[in-house]
């Protein structure tokens, strides 16, 4: 029974901490664009970035394998 004196305040503290984290995520806009990530997965973006093409051009000029 004495253990409940420790466990109840710890559980209440952890619950309020979780609620605070959830409210913070709502306020900061974490849930604004729920469908954006799923559509970004489906886009066909095979074009290399500019830093990758520059690095591969340097390795080709120096005779190294890309």
PDB file of N, CA and C in Angstrom:
ATOM      1  N   UNK A   1       0.818  -1.194   0.000  1.00  0.00           N
ATOM      2  CA  UNK A   1       0.000   0.000   0.000  1.00  0.00           C
ATOM      3  C   UNK A   1       0.860   1.255   0.000  1.00  0.00           C
ATOM      4  N   UNK A   2       2.020   1.180   0.623  1.00  0.00           N
ATOM      5  CA  UNK A   2       2.911   2.341   0.647  1.00  0.00           C
ATOM      6  C   UNK A   2       3.461   2.660  -0.739  1.00  0.00           C
ATOM      7  N   UNK A   3       3.535   1.647  -1.572  1.00  0.00           N
ATOM      8  CA  UNK A   3       4.064   1.852  -2.920  1.00  0.00           C
ATOM      9  C   UNK A   3       3.135   2.735  -3.752  1.00  0.00           C
ATOM     10  N   UNK A   4       1.837   2.707  -3.453  1.00  0.00           N
ATOM     11  CA  UNK A   4       0.887   3.555  -4.175  1.00  0.00           C
ATOM     12  C   UNK A   4       1.154   5.037  -3.937  1.00  0.00           C
ATOM     13  N   UNK A   5       1.733   5.365  -2.800  1.00  0.00           N
ATOM     14  CA  UNK A   5       2.078   6.756  -2.516  1.00  0.00           C
ATOM     15  C   UNK A   5       3.138   7.276  -3.482  1.00  0.00           C
ATOM     16  N   UNK A   6       3.922   6.385  -4.045  1.00  0.00           N
ATOM     17  CA  UNK A   6       4.937   6.765  -5.037  1.00  0.00           C
ATOM     18  C   UNK A   6       4.405   6.638  -6.465  1.00  0.00           C
ATOM     19  N   UNK A   7       3.662   5.572  -6.700  1.00  0.00           N
ATOM     20  CA  UNK A   7       3.249   5.277  -8.064  1.00  0.00           C
ATOM     21  C   UNK A   7       2.171   6.227  -8.592  1.00  0.00           C
ATOM     22  N   UNK A   8       1.242   6.647  -7.774  1.00  0.00           N
ATOM     23  CA  UNK A   8       0.171   7.533  -8.244  1.00  0.00           C
ATOM     24  C   UNK A   8       0.714   8.895  -8.665  1.00  0.00           C
ATOM     25  N   UNK A   9       1.569   9.564  -7.874  1.00  0.00           N
ATOM     26  CA  UNK A   9       2.123  10.841  -8.354  1.00  0.00           C
ATOM     27  C   UNK A   9       3.013  10.690  -9.586  1.00  0.00           C
ATOM     28  N   UNK A  10       3.749   9.596  -9.660  1.00  0.00           N
ATOM     29  CA  UNK A  10       4.592   9.366 -10.841  1.00  0.00           C
ATOM     30  C   UNK A  10       3.714   9.180 -12.079  1.00  0.00           C
ATOM     31  N   UNK A  11       2.625   8.424 -11.941  1.00  0.00           N
ATOM     32  CA  UNK A  11       1.714   8.206 -13.069  1.00  0.00           C
ATOM     33  C   UNK A  11       1.036   9.506 -13.476  1.00  0.00           C
ATOM     34  N   UNK A  12       0.631  10.311 -12.521  1.00  0.00           N
ATOM     35  CA  UNK A  12       0.021  11.598 -12.844  1.00  0.00           C
ATOM     36  C   UNK A  12       1.014  12.527 -13.532  1.00  0.00           C
ATOM     37  N   UNK A  13       2.250  12.539 -13.054  1.00  0.00           N
ATOM     38  CA  UNK A  13       3.282  13.377 -13.674  1.00  0.00           C
ATOM     39  C   UNK A  13       3.557  12.934 -15.105  1.00  0.00           C
ATOM     40  N   UNK A  14       3.679  11.629 -15.324  1.00  0.00           N
ATOM     41  CA  UNK A  14       3.945  11.131 -16.671  1.00  0.00           C
ATOM     42  C   UNK A  14       2.758  11.382 -17.598  1.00  0.00           C
ATOM     43  N   UNK A  15       1.540  11.307 -17.074  1.00  0.00           N
ATOM     44  CA  UNK A  15       0.356  11.596 -17.875  1.00  0.00           C
ATOM     45  C   UNK A  15       0.304  13.051 -18.295  1.00  0.00           C
ATOM     46  N   UNK A  16       0.584  13.953 -17.369  1.00  0.00           N
ATOM     47  CA  UNK A  16       0.592  15.376 -17.724  1.00  0.00           C
ATOM     48  C   UNK A  16       1.746  15.707 -18.655  1.00  0.00           C
ATOM     49  N   UNK A  17       2.865  15.022 -18.501  1.00  0.00           N
ATOM     50  CA  UNK A  17       3.990  15.220 -19.412  1.00  0.00           C
ATOM     51  C   UNK A  17       3.629  14.783 -20.832  1.00  0.00           C
ATOM     52  N   UNK A  18       2.950  13.647 -20.961  1.00  0.00           N
ATOM     53  CA  UNK A  18       2.500  13.178 -22.275  1.00  0.00           C
ATOM     54  C   UNK A  18       1.460  14.092 -22.881  1.00  0.00           C
ATOM     55  N   UNK A  19       0.536  14.566 -22.064  1.00  0.00           N
ATOM     56  CA  UNK A  19      -0.476  15.503 -22.549  1.00  0.00           C
ATOM     57  C   UNK A  19       0.163  16.809 -22.998  1.00  0.00           C
ATOM     58  N   UNK A  20       1.150  17.274 -22.248  1.00  0.00           N
ATOM     59  CA  UNK A  20       1.865  18.492 -22.626  1.00  0.00           C
ATOM     60  C   UNK A  20       2.617  18.325 -23.938  1.00  0.00           C
ATOM     61  N   UNK A  21       3.242  17.158 -24.131  1.00  0.00           N
ATOM     62  CA  UNK A  21       3.955  16.901 -25.385  1.00  0.00           C
ATOM     63  C   UNK A  21       2.982  16.845 -26.561  1.00  0.00           C
ATOM     64  N   UNK A  22       1.820  16.251 -26.358  1.00  0.00           N
ATOM     65  CA  UNK A  22       0.815  16.187 -27.412  1.00  0.00           C
ATOM     66  C   UNK A  22       0.287  17.573 -27.763  1.00  0.00           C
ATOM     67  N   UNK A  23      -0.006  18.382 -26.750  1.00  0.00           N
ATOM     68  CA  UNK A  23      -0.494  19.733 -27.004  1.00  0.00           C
ATOM     69  C   UNK A  23       0.574  20.590 -27.673  1.00  0.00           C
ATOM     70  N   UNK A  24       1.835  20.394 -27.296  1.00  0.00           N
ATOM     71  CA  UNK A  24       2.931  21.120 -27.945  1.00  0.00           C
ATOM     72  C   UNK A  24       3.023  20.733 -29.423  1.00  0.00           C
ATOM     73  N   UNK A  25       2.869  19.440 -29.723  1.00  0.00           N
ATOM     74  CA  UNK A  25       2.954  19.009 -31.123  1.00  0.00           C
ATOM     75  C   UNK A  25       1.786  19.563 -31.936  1.00  0.00           C
ATOM     76  N   UNK A  26       0.617  19.682 -31.328  1.00  0.00           N
ATOM     77  CA  UNK A  26      -0.508  20.302 -32.026  1.00  0.00           C
ATOM     78  C   UNK A  26      -0.227  21.778 -32.308  1.00  0.00           C
ATOM     79  N   UNK A  27       0.327  22.457 -31.310  1.00  0.00           N
ATOM     80  CA  UNK A  27       0.597  23.891 -31.436  1.00  0.00           C
ATOM     81  C   UNK A  27       1.698  24.170 -32.461  1.00  0.00           C
ATOM     82  N   UNK A  28       2.685  23.280 -32.548  1.00  0.00           N
ATOM     83  CA  UNK A  28       3.798  23.515 -33.467  1.00  0.00           C
ATOM     84  C   UNK A  28       3.495  23.071 -34.893  1.00  0.00           C
ATOM     85  N   UNK A  29       2.331  22.474 -35.138  1.00  0.00           N
ATOM     86  CA  UNK A  29       1.925  22.141 -36.495  1.00  0.00           C
ATOM     87  C   UNK A  29       2.387  20.784 -36.987  1.00  0.00           C
ATOM     88  N   UNK A  30       2.626  19.851 -36.097  1.00  0.00           N
ATOM     89  CA  UNK A  30       3.073  18.523 -36.507  1.00  0.00           C
ATOM     90  C   UNK A  30       2.009  17.757 -37.268  1.00  0.00           C
ATOM     91  N   UNK A  31       0.739  18.071 -37.048  1.00  0.00           N
ATOM     92  CA  UNK A  31      -0.352  17.322 -37.656  1.00  0.00           C
ATOM     93  C   UNK A  31      -1.064  18.128 -38.730  1.00  0.00           C
ATOM     94  N   UNK A  32      -0.448  19.164 -39.258  1.00  0.00           N
ATOM     95  CA  UNK A  32      -1.100  20.003 -40.253  1.00  0.00           C
ATOM     96  C   UNK A  32      -1.231  19.315 -41.608  1.00  0.00           C
ATOM     97  N   UNK A  33      -0.178  18.657 -42.071  1.00  0.00           N
ATOM     98  CA  UNK A  33      -0.173  18.048 -43.395  1.00  0.00           C
ATOM     99  C   UNK A  33      -0.069  16.533 -43.257  1.00  0.00           C
ATOM    100  N   UNK A  34      -1.197  15.879 -43.068  1.00  0.00           N
ATOM    101  CA  UNK A  34      -1.183  14.434 -42.856  1.00  0.00           C
ATOM    102  C   UNK A  34      -1.032  13.653 -44.155  1.00  0.00           C
ATOM    103  N   UNK A  35      -1.466  14.227 -45.279  1.00  0.00           N
ATOM    104  CA  UNK A  35      -1.401  13.497 -46.540  1.00  0.00           C
ATOM    105  C   UNK A  35      -0.147  13.824 -47.347  1.00  0.00           C
ATOM    106  N   UNK A  36       0.588  14.828 -46.979  1.00  0.00           N
ATOM    107  CA  UNK A  36       1.751  15.241 -47.752  1.00  0.00           C
ATOM    108  C   UNK A  36       2.831  14.183 -47.821  1.00  0.00           C
ATOM    109  N   UNK A  37       3.132  13.542 -46.702  1.00  0.00           N
ATOM    110  CA  UNK A  37       4.181  12.524 -46.687  1.00  0.00           C
ATOM    111  C   UNK A  37       3.795  11.319 -47.536  1.00  0.00           C
ATOM    112  N   UNK A  38       2.530  10.952 -47.518  1.00  0.00           N
ATOM    113  CA  UNK A  38       2.114   9.798 -48.313  1.00  0.00           C
ATOM    114  C   UNK A  38       2.186  10.106 -49.812  1.00  0.00           C
ATOM    115  N   UNK A  39       1.946  11.345 -50.215  1.00  0.00           N
ATOM    116  CA  UNK A  39       2.059  11.699 -51.630  1.00  0.00           C
ATOM    117  C   UNK A  39       3.516  11.850 -52.056  1.00  0.00           C
ATOM    118  N   UNK A  40       4.385  12.286 -51.148  1.00  0.00           N
ATOM    119  CA  UNK A  40       5.807  12.417 -51.486  1.00  0.00           C
ATOM    120  C   UNK A  40       6.446  11.065 -51.742  1.00  0.00           C
ATOM    121  N   UNK A  41       5.933  10.008 -51.119  1.00  0.00           N
ATOM    122  CA  UNK A  41       6.449   8.667 -51.355  1.00  0.00           C
ATOM    123  C   UNK A  41       6.166   8.233 -52.788  1.00  0.00           C
ATOM    124  N   UNK A  42       5.038   8.652 -53.324  1.00  0.00           N
ATOM    125  CA  UNK A  42       4.613   8.199 -54.649  1.00  0.00           C
ATOM    126  C   UNK A  42       5.222   8.998 -55.797  1.00  0.00           C
ATOM    127  N   UNK A  43       5.834  10.147 -55.524  1.00  0.00           N
ATOM    128  CA  UNK A  43       6.401  10.949 -56.603  1.00  0.00           C
ATOM    129  C   UNK A  43       7.652  10.288 -57.147  1.00  0.00           C
ATOM    130  N   UNK A  44       7.858  10.432 -58.444  1.00  0.00           N
ATOM    131  CA  UNK A  44       9.011   9.839 -59.105  1.00  0.00           C
ATOM    132  C   UNK A  44      10.094  10.901 -59.227  1.00  0.00           C
ATOM    133  N   UNK A  45      11.011  10.904 -58.284  1.00  0.00           N
ATOM    134  CA  UNK A  45      12.063  11.909 -58.251  1.00  0.00           C
ATOM    135  C   UNK A  45      13.413  11.216 -58.467  1.00  0.00           C
ATOM    136  N   UNK A  46      13.681  10.839 -59.724  1.00  0.00           N
ATOM    137  CA  UNK A  46      14.919  10.138 -60.033  1.00  0.00           C
ATOM    138  C   UNK A  46      16.048  11.068 -60.432  1.00  0.00           C
ATOM    139  N   UNK A  47      15.799  12.344 -60.528  1.00  0.00           N
ATOM    140  CA  UNK A  47      16.857  13.266 -60.920  1.00  0.00           C
ATOM    141  C   UNK A  47      17.826  13.442 -59.768  1.00  0.00           C
ATOM    142  N   UNK A  48      19.134  13.323 -60.032  1.00  0.00           N
ATOM    143  CA  UNK A  48      20.112  13.475 -58.954  1.00  0.00           C
ATOM    144  C   UNK A  48      20.215  14.933 -58.518  1.00  0.00           C
ATOM    145  N   UNK A  49      20.599  15.113 -57.280  1.00  0.00           N
ATOM    146  CA  UNK A  49      20.797  16.465 -56.768  1.00  0.00           C
ATOM    147  C   UNK A  49      22.065  17.048 -57.364  1.00  0.00           C
ATOM    148  N   UNK A  50      22.191  18.357 -57.316  1.00  0.00           N
ATOM    149  CA  UNK A  50      23.324  19.028 -57.947  1.00  0.00           C
ATOM    150  C   UNK A  50      24.637  18.667 -57.275  1.00  0.00           C
ATOM    151  N   UNK A  51      24.681  18.455 -55.969  1.00  0.00           N
ATOM    152  CA  UNK A  51      25.924  18.102 -55.308  1.00  0.00           C
ATOM    153  C   UNK A  51      26.362  16.682 -55.659  1.00  0.00           C
ATOM    154  N   UNK A  52      25.411  15.781 -55.949  1.00  0.00           N
ATOM    155  CA  UNK A  52      25.763  14.425 -56.355  1.00  0.00           C
ATOM    156  C   UNK A  52      26.342  14.422 -57.767  1.00  0.00           C
ATOM    157  N   UNK A  53      25.801  15.222 -58.668  1.00  0.00           N
ATOM    158  CA  UNK A  53      26.317  15.237 -60.032  1.00  0.00           C
ATOM    159  C   UNK A  53      27.699  15.869 -60.068  1.00  0.00           C
ATOM    160  N   UNK A  54      27.934  16.873 -59.237  1.00  0.00           N
ATOM    161  CA  UNK A  54      29.261  17.494 -59.210  1.00  0.00           C
ATOM    162  C   UNK A  54      30.290  16.522 -58.663  1.00  0.00           C
ATOM    163  N   UNK A  55      29.931  15.746 -57.657  1.00  0.00           N
ATOM    164  CA  UNK A  55      30.862  14.776 -57.085  1.00  0.00           C
ATOM    165  C   UNK A  55      31.165  13.663 -58.073  1.00  0.00           C
ATOM    166  N   UNK A  56      30.163  13.210 -58.839  1.00  0.00           N
ATOM    167  CA  UNK A  56      30.413  12.144 -59.804  1.00  0.00           C
ATOM    168  C   UNK A  56      31.222  12.672 -60.986  1.00  0.00           C
ATOM    169  N   UNK A  57      31.067  13.948 -61.352  1.00  0.00           N
ATOM    170  CA  UNK A  57      31.854  14.517 -62.439  1.00  0.00           C
ATOM    171  C   UNK A  57      33.314  14.626 -62.046  1.00  0.00           C
ATOM    172  N   UNK A  58      33.595  14.954 -60.807  1.00  0.00           N
ATOM    173  CA  UNK A  58      34.970  15.048 -60.339  1.00  0.00           C
ATOM    174  C   UNK A  58      35.614  13.682 -60.310  1.00  0.00           C
ATOM    175  N   UNK A  59      34.882  12.651 -59.879  1.00  0.00           N
ATOM    176  CA  UNK A  59      35.459  11.315 -59.821  1.00  0.00           C
ATOM    177  C   UNK A  59      35.687  10.752 -61.220  1.00  0.00           C
ATOM    178  N   UNK A  60      34.895  11.104 -62.210  1.00  0.00           N
ATOM    179  CA  UNK A  60      35.077  10.641 -63.582  1.00  0.00           C
ATOM    180  C   UNK A  60      36.306  11.309 -64.177  1.00  0.00           C
ATOM    181  N   UNK A  61      36.504  12.600 -63.927  1.00  0.00           N
ATOM    182  CA  UNK A  61      37.669  13.296 -64.452  1.00  0.00           C
ATOM    183  C   UNK A  61      38.955  12.781 -63.859  1.00  0.00           C
ATOM    184  N   UNK A  62      38.928  12.367 -62.598  1.00  0.00           N
ATOM    185  CA  UNK A  62      40.146  11.907 -61.957  1.00  0.00           C
ATOM    186  C   UNK A  62      40.433  10.426 -62.274  1.00  0.00           C
ATOM    187  N   UNK A  63      39.526   9.747 -62.970  1.00  0.00           N
ATOM    188  CA  UNK A  63      39.748   8.371 -63.363  1.00  0.00           C
ATOM    189  C   UNK A  63      39.273   7.361 -62.357  1.00  0.00           C
ATOM    190  N   UNK A  64      38.576   7.787 -61.306  1.00  0.00           N
ATOM    191  CA  UNK A  64      38.072   6.868 -60.313  1.00  0.00           C
ATOM    192  C   UNK A  64      36.704   6.351 -60.736  1.00  0.00           C
ATOM    193  N   UNK A  65      36.347   5.212 -60.211  1.00  0.00           N
ATOM    194  CA  UNK A  65      35.010   4.661 -60.485  1.00  0.00           C
ATOM    195  C   UNK A  65      33.992   5.437 -59.666  1.00  0.00           C
ATOM    196  N   UNK A  66      32.845   5.755 -60.235  1.00  0.00           N
ATOM    197  CA  UNK A  66      31.831   6.522 -59.495  1.00  0.00           C
ATOM    198  C   UNK A  66      31.190   5.738 -58.394  1.00  0.00           C
TER     199      UNK A  66
END
